[in-house]
N, C-alpha and C. Protein backbone atom coordinates (compact mmCIF):
# COMPACT_ATOMS: atom_id res chain seq x y z
N MET A 1 112.28 -14.05 -260.38
CA MET A 1 111.62 -13.67 -259.49
C MET A 1 111.51 -11.78 -259.54
N VAL A 2 110.33 -11.48 -258.84
CA VAL A 2 110.35 -10.16 -259.31
C VAL A 2 110.16 -9.77 -258.13
N LYS A 3 110.88 -8.61 -257.88
CA LYS A 3 111.18 -7.94 -256.38
C LYS A 3 109.76 -6.66 -257.05
N ILE A 4 109.04 -6.77 -255.83
CA ILE A 4 108.01 -5.79 -255.81
C ILE A 4 108.64 -4.59 -254.72
N LYS A 5 108.20 -3.50 -254.80
CA LYS A 5 108.94 -2.57 -254.66
C LYS A 5 107.73 -1.66 -253.73
N THR A 6 107.96 -1.99 -252.80
CA THR A 6 106.62 -0.83 -251.56
C THR A 6 107.22 0.33 -251.20
N ASN A 7 106.35 1.35 -251.16
CA ASN A 7 106.96 2.51 -249.92
C ASN A 7 106.58 2.67 -249.06
N VAL A 8 106.66 2.28 -247.93
CA VAL A 8 105.97 2.26 -246.15
C VAL A 8 106.20 3.54 -246.21
N VAL A 9 104.91 4.70 -245.61
CA VAL A 9 105.11 5.92 -245.30
C VAL A 9 105.09 5.58 -243.93
N GLU A 10 106.25 5.72 -242.82
CA GLU A 10 105.35 6.18 -241.51
C GLU A 10 104.56 7.34 -241.36
N PRO A 11 103.28 7.27 -240.39
CA PRO A 11 102.57 8.33 -240.49
C PRO A 11 103.58 9.14 -239.70
N ARG A 12 103.09 10.39 -239.76
CA ARG A 12 103.53 11.49 -239.37
C ARG A 12 103.30 12.07 -237.83
N LEU A 13 103.75 12.25 -236.98
CA LEU A 13 103.61 12.55 -235.56
C LEU A 13 102.83 13.69 -235.33
N SER A 14 102.03 13.79 -234.90
CA SER A 14 101.29 15.22 -234.54
C SER A 14 102.42 16.10 -233.25
N PRO A 15 102.08 16.97 -232.97
CA PRO A 15 103.14 17.90 -232.01
C PRO A 15 102.98 17.15 -230.81
N TRP A 16 101.82 16.95 -230.44
CA TRP A 16 101.58 16.00 -229.23
C TRP A 16 102.38 14.48 -229.06
N GLY A 17 102.21 13.84 -230.29
CA GLY A 17 102.74 12.34 -230.64
C GLY A 17 104.04 12.34 -230.51
N ARG A 18 104.80 13.49 -230.71
CA ARG A 18 106.67 13.59 -230.94
C ARG A 18 106.76 14.22 -229.47
N ALA A 19 105.69 14.96 -228.71
CA ALA A 19 105.97 15.12 -227.15
C ALA A 19 106.22 14.09 -226.42
N HIS A 20 105.02 12.86 -226.69
CA HIS A 20 105.21 12.15 -225.98
C HIS A 20 106.46 10.83 -226.30
N GLN A 21 106.70 10.71 -227.92
CA GLN A 21 107.80 9.77 -227.71
C GLN A 21 109.11 10.83 -227.37
N VAL A 22 108.82 11.91 -227.25
CA VAL A 22 110.51 12.37 -226.48
C VAL A 22 110.50 12.16 -225.21
N LYS A 23 109.32 12.21 -224.61
CA LYS A 23 108.82 11.91 -222.95
C LYS A 23 109.77 10.66 -222.56
N LYS A 24 109.46 9.65 -223.51
CA LYS A 24 109.83 8.45 -223.53
C LYS A 24 111.43 7.83 -223.51
N GLU A 25 112.11 8.95 -224.45
CA GLU A 25 113.09 8.84 -224.75
C GLU A 25 113.84 9.61 -222.84
N VAL A 26 113.43 10.56 -222.99
CA VAL A 26 114.11 10.85 -221.85
C VAL A 26 113.91 9.96 -220.40
N ARG A 27 112.68 9.43 -220.25
CA ARG A 27 112.73 8.46 -219.08
C ARG A 27 113.55 7.49 -219.26
N GLY A 28 114.04 7.12 -220.68
CA GLY A 28 115.23 5.60 -220.91
C GLY A 28 116.28 6.65 -220.63
N MET A 29 116.47 7.83 -220.75
CA MET A 29 117.59 8.31 -220.70
C MET A 29 118.18 8.52 -218.96
N ARG A 30 117.10 9.01 -217.73
CA ARG A 30 117.08 8.90 -217.03
C ARG A 30 117.40 7.85 -215.92
N ARG A 31 116.90 6.72 -216.55
CA ARG A 31 117.05 5.31 -215.93
C ARG A 31 118.35 4.87 -216.14
N LYS A 32 118.72 5.23 -217.19
CA LYS A 32 120.35 5.14 -217.30
C LYS A 32 121.12 5.66 -216.34
N ILE A 33 120.81 6.54 -216.10
CA ILE A 33 121.45 7.61 -215.50
C ILE A 33 121.50 7.51 -214.12
N LEU A 34 120.66 6.89 -213.67
CA LEU A 34 120.11 6.58 -212.08
C LEU A 34 121.17 4.96 -212.15
N ILE A 35 121.05 4.63 -212.92
CA ILE A 35 121.54 3.20 -212.59
C ILE A 35 123.26 3.19 -212.74
N GLY A 36 123.62 4.09 -213.68
CA GLY A 36 125.37 4.36 -213.24
C GLY A 36 125.46 5.37 -211.95
N MET A 37 124.39 6.12 -211.69
CA MET A 37 124.84 6.37 -210.36
C MET A 37 124.58 5.67 -209.59
N SER A 38 123.71 4.60 -209.27
CA SER A 38 123.79 3.90 -207.87
C SER A 38 124.65 3.01 -208.07
N ALA A 39 125.87 2.47 -209.13
CA ALA A 39 126.86 1.77 -209.32
C ALA A 39 128.31 2.68 -208.89
N VAL A 40 128.00 4.11 -209.13
CA VAL A 40 129.06 4.69 -208.45
C VAL A 40 128.95 4.78 -206.49
N VAL A 41 127.88 4.93 -206.56
CA VAL A 41 127.31 5.00 -205.37
C VAL A 41 127.93 3.89 -204.42
N CYS A 42 127.46 2.53 -204.86
CA CYS A 42 127.77 1.54 -204.41
C CYS A 42 129.29 1.39 -204.46
N ALA A 43 130.39 2.04 -204.96
CA ALA A 43 131.25 1.64 -205.52
C ALA A 43 132.20 2.35 -204.45
N VAL A 44 131.79 3.42 -204.00
CA VAL A 44 132.23 4.57 -203.12
C VAL A 44 132.08 3.99 -201.51
N LEU A 45 130.68 3.38 -201.66
CA LEU A 45 130.63 2.69 -200.16
C LEU A 45 131.07 1.73 -199.92
N LEU A 46 131.58 0.63 -200.94
CA LEU A 46 132.46 -0.34 -200.63
C LEU A 46 133.95 0.22 -200.48
N THR A 47 134.27 0.73 -200.91
CA THR A 47 135.71 1.51 -200.80
C THR A 47 135.91 2.34 -199.22
N ALA A 48 134.73 3.35 -198.80
CA ALA A 48 134.91 3.30 -197.81
C ALA A 48 135.19 2.65 -196.83
N VAL A 49 134.12 1.61 -196.74
CA VAL A 49 133.86 0.22 -195.97
C VAL A 49 134.87 -0.74 -195.44
N THR A 50 136.11 -0.67 -196.50
CA THR A 50 136.85 -1.58 -197.04
C THR A 50 138.21 -0.62 -196.42
N VAL A 51 138.33 0.77 -196.48
CA VAL A 51 138.79 1.86 -195.89
C VAL A 51 139.04 1.43 -194.22
N TYR A 52 138.07 1.78 -193.93
CA TYR A 52 137.65 1.80 -192.74
C TYR A 52 138.00 0.47 -191.71
N ALA A 53 137.61 -0.75 -192.57
CA ALA A 53 138.11 -1.77 -191.99
C ALA A 53 139.41 -2.39 -191.72
N LYS A 54 140.72 -1.80 -192.70
CA LYS A 54 141.82 -2.02 -192.73
C LYS A 54 142.18 -0.39 -191.68
N ASP A 55 141.78 0.18 -191.76
CA ASP A 55 142.04 1.25 -190.34
C ASP A 55 141.89 0.71 -189.08
N LYS A 56 140.59 -0.20 -188.86
CA LYS A 56 140.47 -0.62 -188.02
C LYS A 56 141.47 -2.08 -187.01
N LYS A 57 141.88 -2.47 -188.22
CA LYS A 57 142.86 -3.08 -188.07
C LYS A 57 144.12 -3.22 -187.99
N ASP A 58 144.44 -1.86 -188.96
CA ASP A 58 146.05 -1.54 -188.73
C ASP A 58 146.00 -0.33 -187.38
N SER A 59 145.13 0.17 -186.60
CA SER A 59 144.77 0.94 -185.60
C SER A 59 145.78 0.83 -184.33
N TRP A 60 146.37 2.13 -183.56
CA TRP A 60 147.29 1.71 -182.82
C TRP A 60 146.32 1.90 -181.52
N THR A 61 147.35 0.91 -180.79
CA THR A 61 146.69 0.69 -179.23
C THR A 61 147.50 1.38 -178.38
N LYS A 62 147.44 1.82 -177.11
CA LYS A 62 147.80 2.71 -176.32
C LYS A 62 148.30 1.81 -175.24
N VAL A 63 149.85 2.30 -175.15
CA VAL A 63 150.52 1.05 -174.15
C VAL A 63 150.32 2.03 -173.06
N GLY A 64 151.08 2.95 -172.73
CA GLY A 64 150.58 3.81 -171.71
C GLY A 64 151.54 5.09 -171.67
N THR A 65 151.41 5.78 -170.86
CA THR A 65 152.21 7.53 -170.72
C THR A 65 152.98 6.92 -169.50
N ALA A 66 153.85 7.66 -169.31
CA ALA A 66 154.77 7.94 -168.44
C ALA A 66 155.67 9.81 -168.56
N LYS A 67 156.51 9.23 -167.15
CA LYS A 67 156.77 10.95 -166.52
C LYS A 67 158.15 11.00 -167.08
N ALA A 68 159.22 11.50 -167.76
CA ALA A 68 160.74 11.12 -167.86
C ALA A 68 161.64 11.84 -166.68
N GLY A 69 162.50 10.84 -167.00
CA GLY A 69 163.13 11.40 -165.90
C GLY A 69 163.51 9.94 -165.04
N GLY A 70 164.79 9.56 -164.57
CA GLY A 70 165.36 8.89 -163.68
C GLY A 70 165.34 7.25 -164.69
N ASP A 71 164.44 6.27 -163.55
CA ASP A 71 165.28 5.25 -164.56
C ASP A 71 164.39 4.69 -165.70
N ALA A 72 164.99 3.57 -166.96
CA ALA A 72 164.01 3.39 -167.92
C ALA A 72 162.58 3.00 -167.84
N LYS A 73 161.59 3.51 -168.19
CA LYS A 73 160.39 2.58 -167.96
C LYS A 73 159.80 1.80 -168.97
N GLU A 74 159.44 0.61 -168.20
CA GLU A 74 158.46 -0.68 -168.36
C GLU A 74 157.12 -0.68 -168.79
N PHE A 75 157.05 -1.30 -170.12
CA PHE A 75 155.58 -0.99 -170.62
C PHE A 75 155.28 -2.51 -170.66
N ALA A 76 154.45 -3.39 -169.90
CA ALA A 76 153.75 -4.63 -170.78
C ALA A 76 152.93 -4.67 -171.40
N ILE A 77 153.42 -5.70 -172.48
CA ILE A 77 152.41 -5.76 -173.74
C ILE A 77 152.06 -7.20 -174.49
N SER A 78 151.00 -7.55 -174.83
CA SER A 78 150.98 -9.09 -175.50
C SER A 78 150.48 -8.65 -176.99
N LYS A 79 150.97 -8.49 -177.75
CA LYS A 79 150.64 -8.28 -178.94
C LYS A 79 151.52 -8.04 -180.16
N LYS A 80 151.31 -8.45 -181.47
CA LYS A 80 152.06 -8.28 -182.31
C LYS A 80 152.10 -7.09 -182.77
N ALA A 81 153.28 -6.20 -183.35
CA ALA A 81 153.44 -5.15 -183.99
C ALA A 81 154.83 -5.12 -184.61
N THR A 82 154.72 -3.93 -185.61
CA THR A 82 155.54 -3.37 -186.24
C THR A 82 155.99 -1.99 -186.01
N THR A 83 155.21 -1.12 -185.39
CA THR A 83 155.70 0.37 -185.20
C THR A 83 155.36 0.54 -183.61
N CYS A 84 156.28 1.59 -183.29
CA CYS A 84 155.81 2.44 -182.05
C CYS A 84 155.65 3.28 -182.21
N ARG A 85 154.54 4.16 -181.51
CA ARG A 85 154.78 5.68 -181.71
C ARG A 85 155.26 6.50 -180.18
N ILE A 86 156.02 7.26 -180.66
CA ILE A 86 155.91 7.67 -178.90
C ILE A 86 155.44 9.47 -179.04
N THR A 87 155.39 9.62 -178.12
CA THR A 87 154.18 11.22 -178.62
C THR A 87 154.42 12.15 -176.85
N CYS A 88 154.77 13.33 -177.61
CA CYS A 88 155.66 13.92 -176.02
C CYS A 88 154.00 14.70 -175.66
N THR A 89 153.24 14.74 -174.84
CA THR A 89 152.05 15.35 -174.25
C THR A 89 152.31 16.61 -173.37
N GLU A 90 153.47 16.85 -173.14
CA GLU A 90 153.98 18.28 -171.92
C GLU A 90 155.17 18.21 -171.78
N GLY A 91 155.90 19.55 -171.73
CA GLY A 91 157.19 19.86 -171.55
C GLY A 91 158.01 19.02 -172.79
N GLU A 92 159.38 18.57 -172.13
CA GLU A 92 160.03 18.49 -172.94
C GLU A 92 160.80 16.88 -172.55
N VAL A 93 161.19 15.92 -173.59
CA VAL A 93 161.47 14.45 -173.18
C VAL A 93 162.26 14.13 -174.69
N ILE A 94 163.65 13.58 -173.94
CA ILE A 94 164.53 13.17 -174.66
C ILE A 94 164.45 11.18 -174.95
N ILE A 95 164.25 10.85 -175.60
CA ILE A 95 163.99 9.12 -175.97
C ILE A 95 165.39 8.45 -176.44
N ASN A 96 166.12 7.98 -175.68
CA ASN A 96 167.60 7.40 -176.11
C ASN A 96 167.19 6.00 -176.48
N THR A 97 166.67 4.85 -175.98
CA THR A 97 166.52 3.94 -176.79
C THR A 97 165.26 3.16 -176.33
N VAL A 98 164.46 2.31 -177.51
CA VAL A 98 163.80 1.67 -176.91
C VAL A 98 164.27 0.07 -177.27
N VAL A 99 163.84 -0.41 -176.30
CA VAL A 99 164.15 -2.11 -176.13
C VAL A 99 162.83 -2.91 -176.59
N ALA A 100 162.76 -3.55 -177.68
CA ALA A 100 161.98 -4.13 -177.61
C ALA A 100 162.14 -5.43 -177.08
N ARG A 101 160.97 -5.75 -176.70
CA ARG A 101 161.04 -7.57 -175.25
C ARG A 101 160.48 -8.25 -175.96
N GLU A 102 160.91 -9.65 -176.56
CA GLU A 102 159.80 -11.05 -177.16
C GLU A 102 160.12 -12.03 -176.18
N GLY A 103 159.52 -12.29 -175.41
CA GLY A 103 159.81 -13.02 -174.18
C GLY A 103 160.93 -12.86 -173.74
N GLY A 104 162.32 -13.94 -173.88
CA GLY A 104 163.18 -13.81 -173.14
C GLY A 104 164.77 -12.80 -174.13
N LYS A 105 164.10 -12.80 -175.19
CA LYS A 105 165.01 -11.78 -176.43
C LYS A 105 164.83 -10.65 -176.07
N ALA A 106 165.83 -9.69 -175.95
CA ALA A 106 165.43 -7.90 -176.37
C ALA A 106 166.41 -7.20 -177.23
N THR A 107 165.57 -6.42 -178.31
CA THR A 107 166.23 -6.04 -179.05
C THR A 107 166.47 -4.34 -179.07
N PRO A 108 167.43 -3.64 -178.86
CA PRO A 108 167.33 -2.16 -178.78
C PRO A 108 167.70 -1.63 -179.91
N ILE A 109 166.63 -0.59 -179.73
CA ILE A 109 166.42 0.53 -181.07
C ILE A 109 166.78 1.53 -180.87
N LYS A 110 168.08 2.21 -180.94
CA LYS A 110 168.84 3.52 -180.93
C LYS A 110 167.70 4.83 -181.34
N VAL A 111 167.03 5.48 -180.55
CA VAL A 111 165.91 6.71 -181.04
C VAL A 111 167.00 7.74 -180.97
N ALA A 112 167.44 8.22 -179.91
CA ALA A 112 168.33 9.44 -179.65
C ALA A 112 167.37 10.50 -180.36
N HIS A 113 166.21 10.74 -179.45
CA HIS A 113 165.44 12.13 -180.33
C HIS A 113 165.03 13.00 -179.10
N LYS A 114 165.04 13.96 -179.34
CA LYS A 114 164.45 15.21 -178.34
C LYS A 114 163.13 15.94 -178.67
N PHE A 115 162.21 15.53 -178.13
CA PHE A 115 160.86 16.05 -178.22
C PHE A 115 160.41 17.45 -177.56
N LYS A 116 159.82 17.87 -178.40
CA LYS A 116 159.00 19.31 -177.92
C LYS A 116 157.49 18.69 -177.89
N ALA A 117 156.52 19.48 -177.04
CA ALA A 117 155.36 18.92 -176.45
C ALA A 117 154.20 19.43 -177.91
N LYS A 118 153.50 17.95 -178.22
CA LYS A 118 152.83 17.29 -179.08
C LYS A 118 153.53 17.20 -180.16
N GLU A 119 154.75 16.46 -180.28
CA GLU A 119 155.58 16.40 -180.98
C GLU A 119 155.83 14.80 -180.68
N SER A 120 155.35 14.11 -182.31
CA SER A 120 155.28 12.45 -182.13
C SER A 120 156.43 11.86 -182.99
N LEU A 121 156.97 10.61 -182.86
CA LEU A 121 157.99 10.02 -183.64
C LEU A 121 157.60 8.59 -183.70
N ASP A 122 157.50 7.95 -185.13
CA ASP A 122 157.08 6.22 -185.17
C ASP A 122 158.69 5.78 -185.19
N VAL A 123 158.85 5.07 -184.59
CA VAL A 123 160.05 3.76 -184.24
C VAL A 123 159.36 2.39 -185.12
N ASP A 124 160.45 2.30 -186.07
CA ASP A 124 160.33 1.03 -186.78
C ASP A 124 160.78 -0.09 -185.89
N LEU A 125 160.09 -1.18 -185.51
CA LEU A 125 160.37 -2.16 -184.52
C LEU A 125 161.61 -3.35 -185.43
N ASP A 126 161.90 -3.02 -186.54
CA ASP A 126 162.64 -3.79 -187.63
C ASP A 126 161.49 -5.08 -187.69
N GLY A 127 160.26 -5.09 -188.64
CA GLY A 127 159.55 -5.96 -189.08
C GLY A 127 158.52 -6.53 -187.57
N SER A 128 157.61 -7.36 -187.73
CA SER A 128 156.47 -7.92 -187.26
C SER A 128 157.01 -8.90 -185.78
N ARG A 129 157.05 -7.82 -184.83
CA ARG A 129 157.14 -8.73 -183.75
C ARG A 129 156.13 -9.06 -183.00
N ASN A 130 156.01 -10.26 -182.16
CA ASN A 130 155.34 -10.34 -181.11
C ASN A 130 155.70 -9.87 -179.79
N LEU A 131 155.37 -8.66 -179.38
CA LEU A 131 155.94 -8.12 -178.20
C LEU A 131 155.85 -8.34 -176.85
N THR A 132 156.21 -9.04 -176.13
CA THR A 132 155.75 -8.72 -174.76
C THR A 132 155.98 -7.65 -173.75
N GLY A 133 156.89 -6.84 -173.95
CA GLY A 133 156.91 -5.84 -173.30
C GLY A 133 158.02 -4.70 -174.12
N LEU A 134 157.93 -3.36 -173.62
CA LEU A 134 159.03 -2.16 -174.45
C LEU A 134 159.08 -1.42 -173.13
N ARG A 135 160.98 -1.45 -173.26
CA ARG A 135 161.70 -0.51 -172.16
C ARG A 135 162.25 0.55 -172.41
N ILE A 136 161.71 1.60 -172.47
CA ILE A 136 162.23 2.84 -172.69
C ILE A 136 162.88 4.04 -171.90
N SER A 137 164.10 4.08 -172.48
CA SER A 137 165.60 4.56 -171.85
C SER A 137 164.71 6.27 -172.31
N ASP A 138 164.76 7.18 -171.15
CA ASP A 138 164.42 8.98 -171.28
C ASP A 138 165.33 9.69 -170.41
N ASP A 139 164.85 10.65 -170.86
CA ASP A 139 165.92 11.78 -170.09
C ASP A 139 164.67 13.06 -169.85
N ARG A 140 165.00 14.38 -169.35
CA ARG A 140 164.25 15.49 -168.84
C ARG A 140 163.30 15.07 -167.67
N SER A 141 162.28 16.10 -168.36
CA SER A 141 161.04 16.10 -167.23
C SER A 141 159.83 16.28 -167.87
N GLY A 142 159.32 16.09 -169.13
CA GLY A 142 158.24 16.28 -170.10
C GLY A 142 157.31 14.92 -169.30
N SER A 143 156.64 14.46 -170.51
CA SER A 143 155.72 13.30 -170.24
C SER A 143 155.53 12.99 -171.50
N TYR A 144 155.28 11.70 -171.61
CA TYR A 144 154.82 11.20 -172.76
C TYR A 144 154.49 9.81 -173.24
N GLU A 145 153.37 9.74 -174.23
CA GLU A 145 152.14 8.85 -174.27
C GLU A 145 153.12 7.18 -175.81
N VAL A 146 152.98 6.49 -175.12
CA VAL A 146 153.35 5.02 -176.41
C VAL A 146 152.55 4.63 -176.62
N MET A 147 152.34 4.06 -177.83
CA MET A 147 151.49 3.16 -178.96
C MET A 147 152.14 2.48 -179.75
N VAL A 148 151.37 1.44 -179.77
CA VAL A 148 151.75 -0.12 -181.00
C VAL A 148 151.02 0.09 -181.74
N LYS A 149 151.91 -0.43 -183.11
CA LYS A 149 150.66 -1.03 -184.06
C LYS A 149 151.26 -2.12 -184.89
């Protein structure tokens, strides 16, 4: 068999033709960049929604406020919680113990912390508990806020 060799010559493009070809290539590149940017924006939005949902799920619930001094303060709760946050809102407060109540069971947690105004402390409740209440032993004359998560 004999092979016939042919030289196919592509036609030369005029400057206007070349400009049109470059324009088409640029459009294709823009389209790819747009698709890539859209994917990045979608990923960022999905991450933001996930973080917001997690924050909403793990958000703090305000239990109450109290003025320090006198007898221990009782806070009624009916929530599953792992952490208790105590924030001094004014003056000076000493928190001695936090007693986590689960129905008839009471678990004392020693805190022994002196708070100044705007200072807060997260107290670990030793795992997830179905709280029915908190009893907080305090001292001094400031006031504080209690939240659980």
